[in-house]
Amino acid sequence: MGQPSPGKTLATMRSLVESCLESHSITHQDYLTLSCMMLSGKGLSMEEYQEINVVFDRIQLGRVRVIYR
């Protein structure tokens, strides 16, 4: 299995963040994906890091629910 290209990874990150903020929910798998992106730090600008952090902040505040399927 190869690594996804940075452009595809960032597009995925933006899509996940937008979807989560619109629906006020995130699947556990998407939560793990964003966590891995954030912890790896590879290819993320400070702005992209902050976008992901907004999702985690809203989860802590109870404004976004983590859905286990």
N, C-alpha and C. Protein backbone atom coordinates (compact mmCIF):
# COMPACT_ATOMS: atom_id res chain seq x y z
N MET A 1 0.83 -1.17 0.00
CA MET A 1 0.00 0.00 0.00
C MET A 1 0.88 1.24 0.00
N GLY A 2 0.62 2.17 -0.89
CA GLY A 2 1.40 3.39 -0.96
C GLY A 2 0.80 4.49 -0.13
N GLN A 3 1.59 5.50 0.09
CA GLN A 3 1.13 6.67 0.83
C GLN A 3 0.28 7.54 -0.09
N PRO A 4 -0.81 8.13 0.42
CA PRO A 4 -1.59 9.04 -0.40
C PRO A 4 -0.79 10.31 -0.66
N SER A 5 -1.03 10.92 -1.80
CA SER A 5 -0.31 12.15 -2.13
C SER A 5 -0.73 13.26 -1.17
N PRO A 6 0.18 14.22 -0.90
CA PRO A 6 -0.17 15.30 0.03
C PRO A 6 -1.41 16.08 -0.40
N GLY A 7 -1.58 16.30 -1.70
CA GLY A 7 -2.76 17.03 -2.18
C GLY A 7 -4.04 16.29 -1.87
N LYS A 8 -4.02 14.98 -2.05
CA LYS A 8 -5.21 14.17 -1.75
C LYS A 8 -5.48 14.15 -0.25
N THR A 9 -4.43 14.06 0.54
CA THR A 9 -4.58 14.06 1.99
C THR A 9 -5.20 15.36 2.48
N LEU A 10 -4.73 16.49 1.96
CA LEU A 10 -5.26 17.78 2.38
C LEU A 10 -6.70 17.97 1.91
N ALA A 11 -7.01 17.48 0.72
CA ALA A 11 -8.39 17.56 0.24
C ALA A 11 -9.29 16.72 1.14
N THR A 12 -8.81 15.55 1.55
CA THR A 12 -9.57 14.69 2.46
C THR A 12 -9.78 15.39 3.80
N MET A 13 -8.72 16.02 4.31
CA MET A 13 -8.81 16.72 5.59
C MET A 13 -9.84 17.83 5.51
N ARG A 14 -9.77 18.63 4.48
CA ARG A 14 -10.73 19.75 4.34
C ARG A 14 -12.16 19.23 4.22
N SER A 15 -12.33 18.17 3.45
CA SER A 15 -13.66 17.58 3.28
C SER A 15 -14.21 17.07 4.61
N LEU A 16 -13.38 16.39 5.38
CA LEU A 16 -13.80 15.87 6.68
C LEU A 16 -14.17 17.00 7.63
N VAL A 17 -13.35 18.04 7.67
CA VAL A 17 -13.60 19.16 8.57
C VAL A 17 -14.91 19.86 8.20
N GLU A 18 -15.10 20.14 6.91
CA GLU A 18 -16.33 20.81 6.46
C GLU A 18 -17.56 19.97 6.78
N SER A 19 -17.49 18.68 6.48
CA SER A 19 -18.62 17.78 6.73
C SER A 19 -18.97 17.73 8.21
N CYS A 20 -17.95 17.64 9.03
CA CYS A 20 -18.15 17.56 10.47
C CYS A 20 -18.78 18.83 11.02
N LEU A 21 -18.29 19.97 10.58
CA LEU A 21 -18.81 21.24 11.10
C LEU A 21 -20.23 21.51 10.62
N GLU A 22 -20.59 21.01 9.43
CA GLU A 22 -21.95 21.20 8.92
C GLU A 22 -22.94 20.27 9.61
N SER A 23 -22.53 19.01 9.82
CA SER A 23 -23.46 18.02 10.37
C SER A 23 -23.43 17.94 11.90
N HIS A 24 -22.45 18.56 12.52
CA HIS A 24 -22.28 18.53 13.98
C HIS A 24 -22.05 17.11 14.48
N SER A 25 -21.48 16.26 13.61
CA SER A 25 -21.15 14.90 14.00
C SER A 25 -19.95 14.42 13.18
N ILE A 26 -19.27 13.42 13.72
CA ILE A 26 -18.12 12.84 13.04
C ILE A 26 -18.09 11.35 13.38
N THR A 27 -17.78 10.53 12.41
CA THR A 27 -17.67 9.10 12.69
C THR A 27 -16.37 8.85 13.43
N HIS A 28 -16.33 7.76 14.16
CA HIS A 28 -15.12 7.41 14.90
C HIS A 28 -13.95 7.23 13.94
N GLN A 29 -14.18 6.64 12.79
CA GLN A 29 -13.11 6.44 11.80
C GLN A 29 -12.57 7.77 11.30
N ASP A 30 -13.45 8.73 11.02
CA ASP A 30 -13.01 10.05 10.57
C ASP A 30 -12.25 10.78 11.68
N TYR A 31 -12.69 10.58 12.91
CA TYR A 31 -12.00 11.16 14.07
C TYR A 31 -10.57 10.63 14.12
N LEU A 32 -10.41 9.33 13.93
CA LEU A 32 -9.08 8.72 13.94
C LEU A 32 -8.23 9.23 12.78
N THR A 33 -8.85 9.42 11.62
CA THR A 33 -8.13 9.93 10.46
C THR A 33 -7.59 11.33 10.73
N LEU A 34 -8.44 12.21 11.27
CA LEU A 34 -7.99 13.56 11.60
C LEU A 34 -6.92 13.55 12.69
N SER A 35 -7.07 12.66 13.66
CA SER A 35 -6.07 12.56 14.73
C SER A 35 -4.71 12.16 14.16
N CYS A 36 -4.71 11.19 13.28
CA CYS A 36 -3.46 10.73 12.67
C CYS A 36 -2.82 11.84 11.84
N MET A 37 -3.63 12.56 11.09
CA MET A 37 -3.10 13.66 10.28
C MET A 37 -2.45 14.71 11.18
N MET A 38 -3.13 15.02 12.27
CA MET A 38 -2.64 16.05 13.17
C MET A 38 -1.37 15.60 13.88
N LEU A 39 -1.34 14.36 14.34
CA LEU A 39 -0.19 13.87 15.07
C LEU A 39 1.03 13.67 14.17
N SER A 40 0.81 13.29 12.92
CA SER A 40 1.94 13.10 12.02
C SER A 40 2.56 14.44 11.65
N GLY A 41 1.70 15.47 11.49
CA GLY A 41 2.19 16.81 11.19
C GLY A 41 2.78 16.95 9.81
N LYS A 42 2.78 15.90 9.03
CA LYS A 42 3.40 15.95 7.71
C LYS A 42 2.52 16.72 6.73
N GLY A 43 3.08 17.74 6.15
CA GLY A 43 2.39 18.47 5.09
C GLY A 43 1.29 19.40 5.55
N LEU A 44 1.12 19.59 6.86
CA LEU A 44 0.07 20.47 7.35
C LEU A 44 0.65 21.85 7.63
N SER A 45 -0.03 22.85 7.11
CA SER A 45 0.35 24.22 7.44
C SER A 45 -0.28 24.55 8.80
N MET A 46 0.11 25.66 9.36
CA MET A 46 -0.45 26.09 10.65
C MET A 46 -1.96 26.31 10.51
N GLU A 47 -2.39 26.84 9.37
CA GLU A 47 -3.82 27.07 9.13
C GLU A 47 -4.59 25.75 9.10
N GLU A 48 -4.05 24.75 8.43
CA GLU A 48 -4.71 23.44 8.35
C GLU A 48 -4.74 22.77 9.72
N TYR A 49 -3.67 22.91 10.46
CA TYR A 49 -3.60 22.38 11.83
C TYR A 49 -4.72 23.01 12.67
N GLN A 50 -4.91 24.31 12.52
CA GLN A 50 -5.94 25.02 13.29
C GLN A 50 -7.35 24.59 12.88
N GLU A 51 -7.55 24.31 11.58
CA GLU A 51 -8.86 23.84 11.11
C GLU A 51 -9.24 22.53 11.78
N ILE A 52 -8.28 21.62 11.87
CA ILE A 52 -8.54 20.34 12.53
C ILE A 52 -8.79 20.56 14.02
N ASN A 53 -8.03 21.46 14.60
CA ASN A 53 -8.17 21.74 16.02
C ASN A 53 -9.55 22.30 16.36
N VAL A 54 -10.17 23.03 15.45
CA VAL A 54 -11.53 23.54 15.66
C VAL A 54 -12.49 22.36 15.87
N VAL A 55 -12.33 21.31 15.08
CA VAL A 55 -13.19 20.12 15.23
C VAL A 55 -13.01 19.52 16.62
N PHE A 56 -11.75 19.33 17.05
CA PHE A 56 -11.50 18.74 18.35
C PHE A 56 -12.02 19.63 19.48
N ASP A 57 -11.89 20.93 19.32
CA ASP A 57 -12.43 21.86 20.32
C ASP A 57 -13.94 21.71 20.44
N ARG A 58 -14.61 21.60 19.31
CA ARG A 58 -16.07 21.47 19.33
C ARG A 58 -16.52 20.13 19.88
N ILE A 59 -15.71 19.10 19.67
CA ILE A 59 -16.03 17.80 20.29
C ILE A 59 -15.97 17.94 21.81
N GLN A 60 -14.93 18.60 22.31
CA GLN A 60 -14.80 18.79 23.75
C GLN A 60 -15.94 19.61 24.33
N LEU A 61 -16.42 20.58 23.57
CA LEU A 61 -17.51 21.44 24.03
C LEU A 61 -18.88 20.79 23.89
N GLY A 62 -18.93 19.64 23.22
CA GLY A 62 -20.19 18.94 23.02
C GLY A 62 -20.98 19.44 21.83
N ARG A 63 -20.37 20.24 20.99
CA ARG A 63 -21.07 20.76 19.81
C ARG A 63 -20.95 19.84 18.61
N VAL A 64 -20.03 18.89 18.68
CA VAL A 64 -19.87 17.86 17.65
C VAL A 64 -19.87 16.51 18.37
N ARG A 65 -20.71 15.60 17.88
CA ARG A 65 -20.79 14.26 18.46
C ARG A 65 -19.95 13.28 17.67
N VAL A 66 -19.31 12.35 18.38
CA VAL A 66 -18.58 11.26 17.73
C VAL A 66 -19.55 10.10 17.64
N ILE A 67 -19.75 9.61 16.42
CA ILE A 67 -20.71 8.53 16.17
C ILE A 67 -19.94 7.22 15.97
N TYR A 68 -20.29 6.22 16.77
CA TYR A 68 -19.67 4.90 16.66
C TYR A 68 -20.59 4.01 15.86
N ARG A 69 -20.09 3.48 14.77
CA ARG A 69 -20.91 2.60 13.92
C ARG A 69 -20.34 1.22 13.90
